[in-house]
Amino acid sequence: MFWTYVTNGLAIGMIYALVAVGYSMVFGILRLINFSHGSLYAFGAQIILVFIGFRLGVWWSILASIITTGLLSLIINKVALEPLRAKKSIPIASLIATIGAFYIIQNLMIAILGSERVAFPNFYSIEMNLGNFPMTSTQLILFLVSLVLLLILWLIVNKTKIGLAMRAVKQSADTAVLMGIDVNKIISFTFFLGGASAAIAGALIGGYYQLVYPTMGSIMGMKAFSAAVLGGIGMLHGSVVGGLIIGVIESLAAGYLGGTYRDAFAFIVLILILLIRPSGIFGKKVITKV
């Protein structure tokens, strides 16, 4: 049973990683924790059902959800965060704005779509004979699809021209401006990419558990944030490692101690790691020169 718990944790951990990279990308550029990210994950899953209701089909609905959620993330940046940056407001103001955006989106979903848990199509379940392999076919597909998507995000950030601009803004926004980079456009693209990845994660988890609900982003958002901090927030590979660690630990806790302790152990491990290494596993200490 140990390996069954581990493989289940790896599959769920990849979803945590997929959501966590959204936190890391935004933090890497703005040094801002985007707490609205969890609501985007829930919105991405919920809006798929809305598009399915318009008879678009599951796959077209997922594509529409990815675009819509990415645009919603971009709107949050444009409406709530960009004006604060233009006024050079204190960092806590932007942080509070993202928390407010989280509750606005979540409450609007509850008001419009209802608070009930609703069935979600199991769109990627494929029967495969895996022999004695401890992972089910659905878990294997969940793991592999998440891995491919994370590799695509890595390629975008590290192997494309816009990814080079993102890394330049991360190093120094002022220098990037002098090099002719439109910083606001790069930030908007980063928010869009983060929202799109959250929508994909919402679709995968919705298909895995076959249900979605408006408040599903609350605990997922906190776990993904924990994964990002655990691995070293701002580091994409750190988010992946952090997500896998938290996924495996909570799966083992649920298996051996019961589901009641699943969520608690993820945060206990986070606290222990931060006591030992506050910057996270791959994080580096930042020295500010004055």
Protein backbone atom coordinates (compact mmCIF):
# COMPACT_ATOMS: atom_id res chain seq x y z
CA MET A 1 0.00 0.00 0.00
CA PHE A 2 2.97 2.32 0.58
CA TRP A 3 3.74 2.60 -3.14
CA THR A 4 0.06 3.04 -3.92
CA TYR A 5 -0.06 6.03 -1.57
CA VAL A 6 3.17 7.43 -3.04
CA THR A 7 2.02 7.20 -6.64
CA ASN A 8 -1.34 8.73 -5.77
CA GLY A 9 0.53 11.56 -4.04
CA LEU A 10 2.76 12.09 -7.09
CA ALA A 11 -0.29 12.41 -9.35
CA ILE A 12 -2.02 14.95 -7.10
CA GLY A 13 1.31 16.64 -6.41
CA MET A 14 1.72 17.45 -10.10
CA ILE A 15 -1.56 19.37 -9.94
CA TYR A 16 -0.30 21.29 -6.92
CA ALA A 17 2.82 22.05 -8.95
CA LEU A 18 0.79 23.24 -11.93
CA VAL A 19 -1.10 25.71 -9.72
CA ALA A 20 2.03 26.64 -7.77
CA VAL A 21 3.93 27.78 -10.88
CA GLY A 22 1.29 30.49 -11.27
CA TYR A 23 2.25 31.84 -7.87
CA SER A 24 5.94 31.57 -8.69
CA MET A 25 5.74 33.32 -12.07
CA VAL A 26 3.90 36.34 -10.65
CA PHE A 27 6.11 36.49 -7.56
CA GLY A 28 9.25 36.19 -9.66
CA ILE A 29 8.36 39.34 -11.61
CA LEU A 30 6.41 41.48 -9.12
CA ARG A 31 7.53 40.09 -5.74
CA LEU A 32 3.81 39.75 -5.07
CA ILE A 33 1.80 36.82 -3.72
CA ASN A 34 -1.26 36.61 -5.97
CA PHE A 35 -3.83 35.18 -3.56
CA SER A 36 -6.56 35.42 -6.22
CA HIS A 37 -4.93 32.46 -7.97
CA GLY A 38 -6.94 29.84 -6.07
CA SER A 39 -10.23 31.38 -7.23
CA LEU A 40 -8.99 31.24 -10.84
CA TYR A 41 -8.44 27.50 -10.43
CA ALA A 42 -12.04 27.07 -9.24
CA PHE A 43 -13.37 29.45 -11.90
CA GLY A 44 -11.56 27.53 -14.64
CA ALA A 45 -13.20 24.27 -13.56
CA GLN A 46 -16.68 25.78 -13.09
CA ILE A 47 -16.75 27.69 -16.36
CA ILE A 48 -16.12 24.47 -18.30
CA LEU A 49 -19.57 23.27 -17.24
CA VAL A 50 -21.07 26.57 -18.39
CA PHE A 51 -19.52 26.15 -21.84
CA ILE A 52 -20.64 22.51 -21.95
CA GLY A 53 -24.16 23.80 -21.29
CA PHE A 54 -23.80 25.80 -24.53
CA ARG A 55 -23.15 22.48 -26.30
CA LEU A 56 -19.53 23.22 -27.17
CA GLY A 57 -18.35 19.74 -26.24
CA VAL A 58 -15.88 18.88 -23.48
CA TRP A 59 -12.62 19.62 -25.30
CA TRP A 60 -13.77 22.91 -26.84
CA SER A 61 -15.18 23.89 -23.45
CA ILE A 62 -11.82 23.24 -21.80
CA LEU A 63 -10.07 25.36 -24.43
CA ALA A 64 -12.62 28.16 -23.93
CA SER A 65 -12.10 27.89 -20.16
CA ILE A 66 -8.32 28.22 -20.51
CA ILE A 67 -8.70 31.39 -22.59
CA THR A 68 -11.46 32.85 -20.39
CA THR A 69 -9.60 32.18 -17.14
CA GLY A 70 -6.39 33.61 -18.58
CA LEU A 71 -8.30 36.76 -19.56
CA LEU A 72 -9.86 36.98 -16.09
CA SER A 73 -6.40 36.82 -14.54
CA LEU A 74 -5.26 39.54 -16.93
CA ILE A 75 -8.27 41.69 -15.94
CA ILE A 76 -7.38 41.32 -12.26
CA ASN A 77 -3.94 42.67 -13.07
CA LYS A 78 -5.25 45.54 -15.22
CA VAL A 79 -8.09 46.63 -12.93
CA ALA A 80 -6.72 45.98 -9.45
CA LEU A 81 -2.93 45.83 -9.61
CA GLU A 82 -1.64 47.96 -12.47
CA PRO A 83 -3.20 51.18 -11.09
CA LEU A 84 -1.57 50.46 -7.72
CA ARG A 85 1.80 49.97 -9.38
CA ALA A 86 1.34 53.23 -11.31
CA LYS A 87 0.71 55.07 -8.03
CA LYS A 88 3.71 53.28 -6.43
CA SER A 89 1.55 52.13 -3.56
CA ILE A 90 2.95 50.07 -0.71
CA PRO A 91 3.27 46.30 -1.46
CA ILE A 92 0.63 45.36 1.15
CA ALA A 93 -1.99 47.24 -0.90
CA SER A 94 -1.50 44.92 -3.88
CA LEU A 95 -1.56 41.89 -1.60
CA ILE A 96 -4.88 42.97 -0.10
CA ALA A 97 -6.23 43.64 -3.62
CA THR A 98 -5.51 40.04 -4.65
CA ILE A 99 -7.25 38.72 -1.50
CA GLY A 100 -10.24 40.91 -2.34
CA ALA A 101 -10.26 39.62 -5.93
CA PHE A 102 -10.27 36.04 -4.60
CA TYR A 103 -13.43 36.59 -2.54
CA ILE A 104 -15.15 38.62 -5.26
CA ILE A 105 -14.68 35.83 -7.82
CA GLN A 106 -15.60 33.08 -5.36
CA ASN A 107 -18.75 34.83 -4.13
CA LEU A 108 -19.85 35.70 -7.67
CA MET A 109 -19.56 32.02 -8.60
CA ILE A 110 -21.65 31.06 -5.57
CA ALA A 111 -24.28 33.72 -6.37
CA ILE A 112 -24.53 32.86 -10.08
CA LEU A 113 -23.77 29.12 -10.22
CA GLY A 114 -24.81 28.03 -6.74
CA SER A 115 -22.75 26.59 -3.90
CA GLU A 116 -23.54 22.92 -4.53
CA ARG A 117 -21.04 20.32 -5.71
CA VAL A 118 -21.89 19.36 -9.27
CA ALA A 119 -20.84 16.43 -11.43
CA PHE A 120 -17.95 16.92 -13.85
CA PRO A 121 -17.32 14.73 -16.93
CA ASN A 122 -14.61 12.10 -16.58
CA PHE A 123 -13.08 13.13 -19.88
CA TYR A 124 -9.67 11.44 -19.70
CA SER A 125 -10.36 8.07 -18.11
CA ILE A 126 -8.88 5.37 -20.33
CA GLU A 127 -8.85 1.71 -19.38
CA MET A 128 -5.31 0.34 -19.55
CA ASN A 129 -3.79 -2.88 -18.26
CA LEU A 130 -0.88 -1.70 -16.10
CA GLY A 131 -0.25 -5.05 -14.44
CA ASN A 132 1.23 -4.64 -10.96
CA PHE A 133 1.98 -0.95 -11.46
CA PRO A 134 0.57 0.80 -8.36
CA MET A 135 -0.80 3.80 -10.28
CA THR A 136 -4.21 3.64 -11.96
CA SER A 137 -4.60 4.64 -15.60
CA THR A 138 -6.36 7.86 -14.61
CA GLN A 139 -3.57 8.78 -12.19
CA LEU A 140 -0.94 7.99 -14.81
CA ILE A 141 -2.64 10.21 -17.39
CA LEU A 142 -3.06 12.95 -14.75
CA PHE A 143 0.65 12.76 -13.92
CA LEU A 144 1.89 12.66 -17.52
CA VAL A 145 -0.39 15.45 -18.79
CA SER A 146 0.62 17.68 -15.87
CA LEU A 147 4.29 16.90 -16.54
CA VAL A 148 3.95 17.80 -20.23
CA LEU A 149 2.19 21.07 -19.38
CA LEU A 150 4.88 21.98 -16.86
CA LEU A 151 7.56 21.27 -19.49
CA ILE A 152 5.72 23.56 -21.93
CA LEU A 153 5.66 26.33 -19.31
CA TRP A 154 9.38 25.80 -18.70
CA LEU A 155 10.09 26.03 -22.44
CA ILE A 156 8.04 29.23 -22.73
CA VAL A 157 9.93 30.86 -19.87
CA ASN A 158 13.42 29.63 -20.78
CA LYS A 159 13.48 29.10 -24.54
CA THR A 160 11.32 31.84 -26.11
CA LYS A 161 11.79 35.54 -26.75
CA ILE A 162 8.91 36.51 -24.49
CA GLY A 163 10.33 34.20 -21.83
CA LEU A 164 13.63 36.05 -22.12
CA ALA A 165 11.74 39.30 -21.57
CA MET A 166 10.03 37.78 -18.51
CA ARG A 167 13.40 36.84 -17.05
CA ALA A 168 14.75 40.30 -17.81
CA VAL A 169 11.84 41.93 -15.96
CA LYS A 170 12.40 39.49 -13.10
CA GLN A 171 16.03 40.60 -12.82
CA SER A 172 15.31 44.34 -13.02
CA ALA A 173 12.16 46.02 -14.32
CA ASP A 174 13.92 49.39 -14.63
CA THR A 175 16.74 47.93 -16.72
CA ALA A 176 14.22 46.04 -18.85
CA VAL A 177 12.50 49.35 -19.67
CA LEU A 178 15.81 50.81 -20.80
CA MET A 179 16.27 47.78 -23.10
CA GLY A 180 12.95 48.56 -24.81
CA ILE A 181 10.81 45.93 -23.05
CA ASP A 182 7.18 46.84 -22.38
CA VAL A 183 7.06 45.77 -18.75
CA ASN A 184 3.27 46.07 -18.41
CA LYS A 185 2.74 43.77 -21.40
CA ILE A 186 5.12 41.19 -19.96
CA ILE A 187 3.35 41.33 -16.60
CA SER A 188 -0.03 40.95 -18.33
CA PHE A 189 1.25 37.94 -20.28
CA THR A 190 2.54 36.40 -17.05
CA PHE A 191 -0.88 36.80 -15.42
CA PHE A 192 -2.58 35.29 -18.49
CA LEU A 193 -0.18 32.33 -18.43
CA GLY A 194 -0.78 31.80 -14.71
CA GLY A 195 -4.56 31.93 -15.15
CA ALA A 196 -4.42 29.49 -18.06
CA SER A 197 -2.35 27.01 -16.05
CA ALA A 198 -4.82 27.30 -13.15
CA ALA A 199 -7.73 26.52 -15.51
CA ILE A 200 -5.94 23.43 -16.84
CA ALA A 201 -5.32 22.24 -13.28
CA GLY A 202 -9.00 22.81 -12.46
CA ALA A 203 -10.05 20.75 -15.48
CA LEU A 204 -7.70 17.89 -14.58
CA ILE A 205 -8.79 17.75 -10.94
CA GLY A 206 -12.45 18.11 -11.94
CA GLY A 207 -12.09 15.14 -14.28
CA TYR A 208 -10.18 13.16 -11.65
CA TYR A 209 -12.70 13.57 -8.82
CA GLN A 210 -15.66 14.08 -11.24
CA LEU A 211 -17.08 17.01 -9.29
CA VAL A 212 -16.46 20.74 -8.92
CA TYR A 213 -17.74 23.51 -6.63
CA PRO A 214 -17.09 27.26 -6.24
CA THR A 215 -15.05 27.03 -3.01
CA MET A 216 -12.69 24.34 -4.29
CA GLY A 217 -10.00 26.97 -4.81
CA SER A 218 -9.63 27.82 -1.13
CA ILE A 219 -7.69 24.80 0.11
CA MET A 220 -6.06 24.17 -3.28
CA GLY A 221 -4.80 27.74 -3.40
CA MET A 222 -3.22 27.44 0.05
CA LYS A 223 -1.63 24.07 -0.72
CA ALA A 224 -0.24 25.32 -4.03
CA PHE A 225 1.09 28.42 -2.28
CA SER A 226 2.69 26.14 0.32
CA ALA A 227 4.25 24.10 -2.49
CA ALA A 228 5.66 27.25 -4.10
CA VAL A 229 7.13 28.46 -0.79
CA LEU A 230 8.42 24.99 0.09
CA GLY A 231 10.34 24.67 -3.17
CA GLY A 232 11.46 28.30 -3.20
CA ILE A 233 8.88 30.76 -4.44
CA GLY A 234 9.85 32.36 -7.73
CA MET A 235 11.60 29.15 -8.88
CA LEU A 236 9.55 27.08 -11.34
CA HIS A 237 11.42 23.84 -10.65
CA GLY A 238 11.04 24.56 -6.93
CA SER A 239 7.27 24.73 -7.34
CA VAL A 240 7.30 21.31 -9.01
CA VAL A 241 9.40 19.71 -6.29
CA GLY A 242 7.35 21.39 -3.55
CA GLY A 243 4.09 20.21 -5.13
CA LEU A 244 5.32 16.61 -5.34
CA ILE A 245 6.56 16.62 -1.74
CA ILE A 246 3.28 17.97 -0.37
CA GLY A 247 1.25 15.59 -2.56
CA VAL A 248 3.15 12.52 -1.36
CA ILE A 249 3.17 13.54 2.32
CA GLU A 250 -0.55 14.25 2.46
CA SER A 251 -1.32 11.02 0.60
CA LEU A 252 0.74 9.02 3.11
CA ALA A 253 -0.92 10.86 6.00
CA ALA A 254 -4.39 10.14 4.61
CA GLY A 255 -3.51 6.50 3.98
CA TYR A 256 -2.00 5.71 7.37
CA LEU A 257 -3.71 8.21 9.69
CA GLY A 258 -7.01 8.91 7.93
CA GLY A 259 -8.31 11.63 5.65
CA THR A 260 -8.88 14.00 8.59
CA TYR A 261 -5.14 14.68 8.79
CA ARG A 262 -4.50 15.08 5.05
CA ASP A 263 -4.58 18.86 4.94
CA ALA A 264 -2.86 19.41 8.29
CA PHE A 265 0.31 17.51 7.38
CA ALA A 266 0.91 19.58 4.26
CA PHE A 267 1.18 22.73 6.38
CA ILE A 268 3.09 21.03 9.21
CA VAL A 269 5.81 20.05 6.75
CA LEU A 270 5.83 23.56 5.31
CA ILE A 271 6.36 25.08 8.77
CA LEU A 272 9.18 22.62 9.55
CA ILE A 273 10.97 23.32 6.27
CA LEU A 274 10.68 27.08 6.73
CA LEU A 275 12.10 26.81 10.25
CA ILE A 276 15.11 25.01 8.81
CA ARG A 277 15.41 26.86 5.49
CA PRO A 278 13.18 29.98 5.30
CA SER A 279 13.95 30.59 1.61
CA GLY A 280 12.66 27.13 0.63
CA ILE A 281 14.51 24.16 -0.83
CA PHE A 282 15.82 25.91 -3.95
CA GLY A 283 15.40 29.50 -2.83
CA LYS A 284 18.34 31.83 -2.37
CA LYS A 285 18.84 34.46 0.27
CA VAL A 286 18.29 37.93 -1.11
CA ILE A 287 20.74 40.60 0.05
CA THR A 288 19.46 44.14 -0.32
CA LYS A 289 22.19 46.74 -0.72
CA VAL A 290 21.50 50.19 0.68
